[in-house]
Amino acid sequence: MISNQFQSCIDACQACAVACDQCASACLGEDDLKMMVDCIRLDRDCANICYTAISFMASNSAHAADICKVCAHICEACAQECGKHDHDHCQQCAEACRRCAEECHKMGQMAHNMA
């Protein structure tokens, strides 16, 4: 059973990963694909680290907080990049990334306080 302390962060990571996957896919269909390259790359990286963070938290890994700190950093970078673009999918992704970064920061801080 997943600890309640992880559930909020897991939910935010799941929503972020899905938003990033959807954003990357939508970006591939944009007219100016060259302008979207950094967005697509960060979407891919962000989705991957979110899925990894979910796995670490779900297994109650002792290293979950470390992964969440990295996840927060990548989510912040992705939010910043997606926020530069006016497309709805980018704006929705940026919001999901900001929420995930916030939850991952909390997770990292909570684990630090318990140590």
C-alpha atoms as a PDB file:
ATOM      1  CA  MET A   1       0.000   0.000   0.000  1.00  0.00           C
ATOM      2  CA  ILE A   2       1.298   3.459  -0.911  1.00  0.00           C
ATOM      3  CA  SER A   3       1.969   5.784   1.979  1.00  0.00           C
ATOM      4  CA  ASN A   4      -0.416   8.740   2.182  1.00  0.00           C
ATOM      5  CA  GLN A   5       2.576  11.061   2.393  1.00  0.00           C
ATOM      6  CA  PHE A   6       3.505  10.057  -1.162  1.00  0.00           C
ATOM      7  CA  GLN A   7       0.032  10.042  -2.732  1.00  0.00           C
ATOM      8  CA  SER A   8      -0.259  13.758  -3.458  1.00  0.00           C
ATOM      9  CA  CYS A   9       3.174  13.794  -5.090  1.00  0.00           C
ATOM     10  CA  ILE A  10       2.457  10.610  -7.045  1.00  0.00           C
ATOM     11  CA  ASP A  11      -0.784  12.137  -8.348  1.00  0.00           C
ATOM     12  CA  ALA A  12       1.012  15.350  -9.387  1.00  0.00           C
ATOM     13  CA  CYS A  13       3.794  13.373 -11.099  1.00  0.00           C
ATOM     14  CA  GLN A  14       1.244  11.251 -12.965  1.00  0.00           C
ATOM     15  CA  ALA A  15      -0.671  14.312 -14.171  1.00  0.00           C
ATOM     16  CA  CYS A  16       2.573  16.007 -15.182  1.00  0.00           C
ATOM     17  CA  ALA A  17       3.904  13.006 -17.084  1.00  0.00           C
ATOM     18  CA  VAL A  18       0.654  12.678 -19.028  1.00  0.00           C
ATOM     19  CA  ALA A  19       0.567  16.433 -19.759  1.00  0.00           C
ATOM     20  CA  CYS A  20       4.174  16.299 -20.967  1.00  0.00           C
ATOM     21  CA  ASP A  21       3.515  13.300 -23.213  1.00  0.00           C
ATOM     22  CA  GLN A  22       0.470  15.047 -24.675  1.00  0.00           C
ATOM     23  CA  CYS A  23       2.339  18.323 -25.105  1.00  0.00           C
ATOM     24  CA  ALA A  24       5.250  16.665 -26.903  1.00  0.00           C
ATOM     25  CA  SER A  25       2.848  14.905 -29.242  1.00  0.00           C
ATOM     26  CA  ALA A  26       0.927  18.120 -29.939  1.00  0.00           C
ATOM     27  CA  CYS A  27       4.172  20.056 -30.480  1.00  0.00           C
ATOM     28  CA  LEU A  28       5.111  17.627 -33.238  1.00  0.00           C
ATOM     29  CA  GLY A  29       2.045  18.819 -35.125  1.00  0.00           C
ATOM     30  CA  GLU A  30       2.845  22.539 -34.882  1.00  0.00           C
ATOM     31  CA  ASP A  31       3.675  24.487 -38.056  1.00  0.00           C
ATOM     32  CA  ASP A  32       7.016  25.782 -36.772  1.00  0.00           C
ATOM     33  CA  LEU A  33       8.431  22.507 -35.511  1.00  0.00           C
ATOM     34  CA  LYS A  34      11.937  23.927 -35.213  1.00  0.00           C
ATOM     35  CA  MET A  35      10.688  26.423 -32.628  1.00  0.00           C
ATOM     36  CA  MET A  36       9.265  23.532 -30.560  1.00  0.00           C
ATOM     37  CA  VAL A  37      12.393  21.354 -30.364  1.00  0.00           C
ATOM     38  CA  ASP A  38      13.449  22.442 -26.853  1.00  0.00           C
ATOM     39  CA  CYS A  39       9.876  22.081 -25.640  1.00  0.00           C
ATOM     40  CA  ILE A  40       9.616  18.546 -27.010  1.00  0.00           C
ATOM     41  CA  ARG A  41      12.958  17.524 -25.493  1.00  0.00           C
ATOM     42  CA  LEU A  42      12.047  18.895 -22.071  1.00  0.00           C
ATOM     43  CA  ASP A  43       8.588  17.316 -22.269  1.00  0.00           C
ATOM     44  CA  ARG A  44      10.228  13.949 -22.887  1.00  0.00           C
ATOM     45  CA  ASP A  45      12.759  14.381 -20.072  1.00  0.00           C
ATOM     46  CA  CYS A  46      10.101  15.618 -17.680  1.00  0.00           C
ATOM     47  CA  ALA A  47       7.701  12.765 -18.404  1.00  0.00           C
ATOM     48  CA  ASN A  48      10.506  10.229 -17.932  1.00  0.00           C
ATOM     49  CA  ILE A  49      11.643  11.626 -14.567  1.00  0.00           C
ATOM     50  CA  CYS A  50       8.039  11.861 -13.374  1.00  0.00           C
ATOM     51  CA  TYR A  51       7.424   8.193 -14.188  1.00  0.00           C
ATOM     52  CA  THR A  52      10.693   7.336 -12.409  1.00  0.00           C
ATOM     53  CA  ALA A  53       9.705   9.365  -9.342  1.00  0.00           C
ATOM     54  CA  ILE A  54       6.347   7.559  -9.229  1.00  0.00           C
ATOM     55  CA  SER A  55       8.127   4.214  -9.259  1.00  0.00           C
ATOM     56  CA  PHE A  56      10.504   5.213  -6.453  1.00  0.00           C
ATOM     57  CA  MET A  57       7.680   6.530  -4.289  1.00  0.00           C
ATOM     58  CA  ALA A  58       5.402   3.555  -4.988  1.00  0.00           C
ATOM     59  CA  SER A  59       8.128   1.179  -3.861  1.00  0.00           C
ATOM     60  CA  ASN A  60       8.844   3.326  -0.778  1.00  0.00           C
ATOM     61  CA  SER A  61      12.467   3.649  -1.866  1.00  0.00           C
ATOM     62  CA  ALA A  62      14.900   5.299   0.513  1.00  0.00           C
ATOM     63  CA  HIS A  63      15.992   7.370  -2.495  1.00  0.00           C
ATOM     64  CA  ALA A  64      12.535   8.663  -3.432  1.00  0.00           C
ATOM     65  CA  ALA A  65      13.257  12.122  -2.007  1.00  0.00           C
ATOM     66  CA  ASP A  66      16.460  12.370  -4.036  1.00  0.00           C
ATOM     67  CA  ILE A  67      14.600  11.518  -7.231  1.00  0.00           C
ATOM     68  CA  CYS A  68      11.848  13.986  -6.318  1.00  0.00           C
ATOM     69  CA  LYS A  69      14.422  16.772  -5.980  1.00  0.00           C
ATOM     70  CA  VAL A  70      15.717  16.047  -9.493  1.00  0.00           C
ATOM     71  CA  CYS A  71      12.139  15.763 -10.721  1.00  0.00           C
ATOM     72  CA  ALA A  72      11.302  19.203  -9.294  1.00  0.00           C
ATOM     73  CA  HIS A  73      14.302  20.720 -11.060  1.00  0.00           C
ATOM     74  CA  ILE A  74      13.363  19.235 -14.440  1.00  0.00           C
ATOM     75  CA  CYS A  75       9.680  20.139 -13.977  1.00  0.00           C
ATOM     76  CA  GLU A  76      10.658  23.750 -13.319  1.00  0.00           C
ATOM     77  CA  ALA A  77      12.754  23.824 -16.494  1.00  0.00           C
ATOM     78  CA  CYS A  78       9.912  22.294 -18.505  1.00  0.00           C
ATOM     79  CA  ALA A  79       7.378  24.746 -17.051  1.00  0.00           C
ATOM     80  CA  GLN A  80       9.627  27.632 -18.001  1.00  0.00           C
ATOM     81  CA  GLU A  81      10.049  26.388 -21.580  1.00  0.00           C
ATOM     82  CA  CYS A  82       6.396  25.486 -22.109  1.00  0.00           C
ATOM     83  CA  GLY A  83       5.371  28.805 -20.598  1.00  0.00           C
ATOM     84  CA  LYS A  84       7.120  30.589 -23.476  1.00  0.00           C
ATOM     85  CA  HIS A  85       4.622  29.186 -25.978  1.00  0.00           C
ATOM     86  CA  ASP A  86       1.032  30.354 -26.415  1.00  0.00           C
ATOM     87  CA  HIS A  87      -0.356  26.964 -27.431  1.00  0.00           C
ATOM     88  CA  ASP A  88      -2.984  25.606 -25.031  1.00  0.00           C
ATOM     89  CA  HIS A  89      -1.159  22.290 -24.720  1.00  0.00           C
ATOM     90  CA  CYS A  90       2.033  24.105 -23.681  1.00  0.00           C
ATOM     91  CA  GLN A  91       0.223  26.272 -21.150  1.00  0.00           C
ATOM     92  CA  GLN A  92      -1.549  23.240 -19.653  1.00  0.00           C
ATOM     93  CA  CYS A  93       1.749  21.384 -19.502  1.00  0.00           C
ATOM     94  CA  ALA A  94       3.488  24.321 -17.821  1.00  0.00           C
ATOM     95  CA  GLU A  95       0.791  24.393 -15.136  1.00  0.00           C
ATOM     96  CA  ALA A  96       1.055  20.633 -14.517  1.00  0.00           C
ATOM     97  CA  CYS A  97       4.848  20.977 -14.298  1.00  0.00           C
ATOM     98  CA  ARG A  98       4.610  23.811 -11.767  1.00  0.00           C
ATOM     99  CA  ARG A  99       2.229  21.803  -9.590  1.00  0.00           C
ATOM    100  CA  CYS A 100       4.469  18.741  -9.804  1.00  0.00           C
ATOM    101  CA  ALA A 101       7.575  20.740  -8.930  1.00  0.00           C
ATOM    102  CA  GLU A 102       5.793  22.121  -5.873  1.00  0.00           C
ATOM    103  CA  GLU A 103       4.730  18.649  -4.716  1.00  0.00           C
ATOM    104  CA  CYS A 104       8.203  17.213  -5.353  1.00  0.00           C
ATOM    105  CA  HIS A 105       9.788  20.026  -3.341  1.00  0.00           C
ATOM    106  CA  LYS A 106       7.414  19.207  -0.463  1.00  0.00           C
ATOM    107  CA  MET A 107       8.276  15.527  -0.768  1.00  0.00           C
ATOM    108  CA  GLY A 108      11.994  16.238  -0.706  1.00  0.00           C
ATOM    109  CA  GLN A 109      11.606  18.541   2.295  1.00  0.00           C
ATOM    110  CA  MET A 110       9.380  16.066   4.167  1.00  0.00           C
ATOM    111  CA  ALA A 111      11.919  13.282   3.704  1.00  0.00           C
ATOM    112  CA  HIS A 112      14.742  15.613   4.745  1.00  0.00           C
ATOM    113  CA  ASN A 113      12.879  16.483   7.958  1.00  0.00           C
ATOM    114  CA  MET A 114      12.266  12.801   8.743  1.00  0.00           C
ATOM    115  CA  ALA A 115      15.960  11.919   8.357  1.00  0.00           C
END
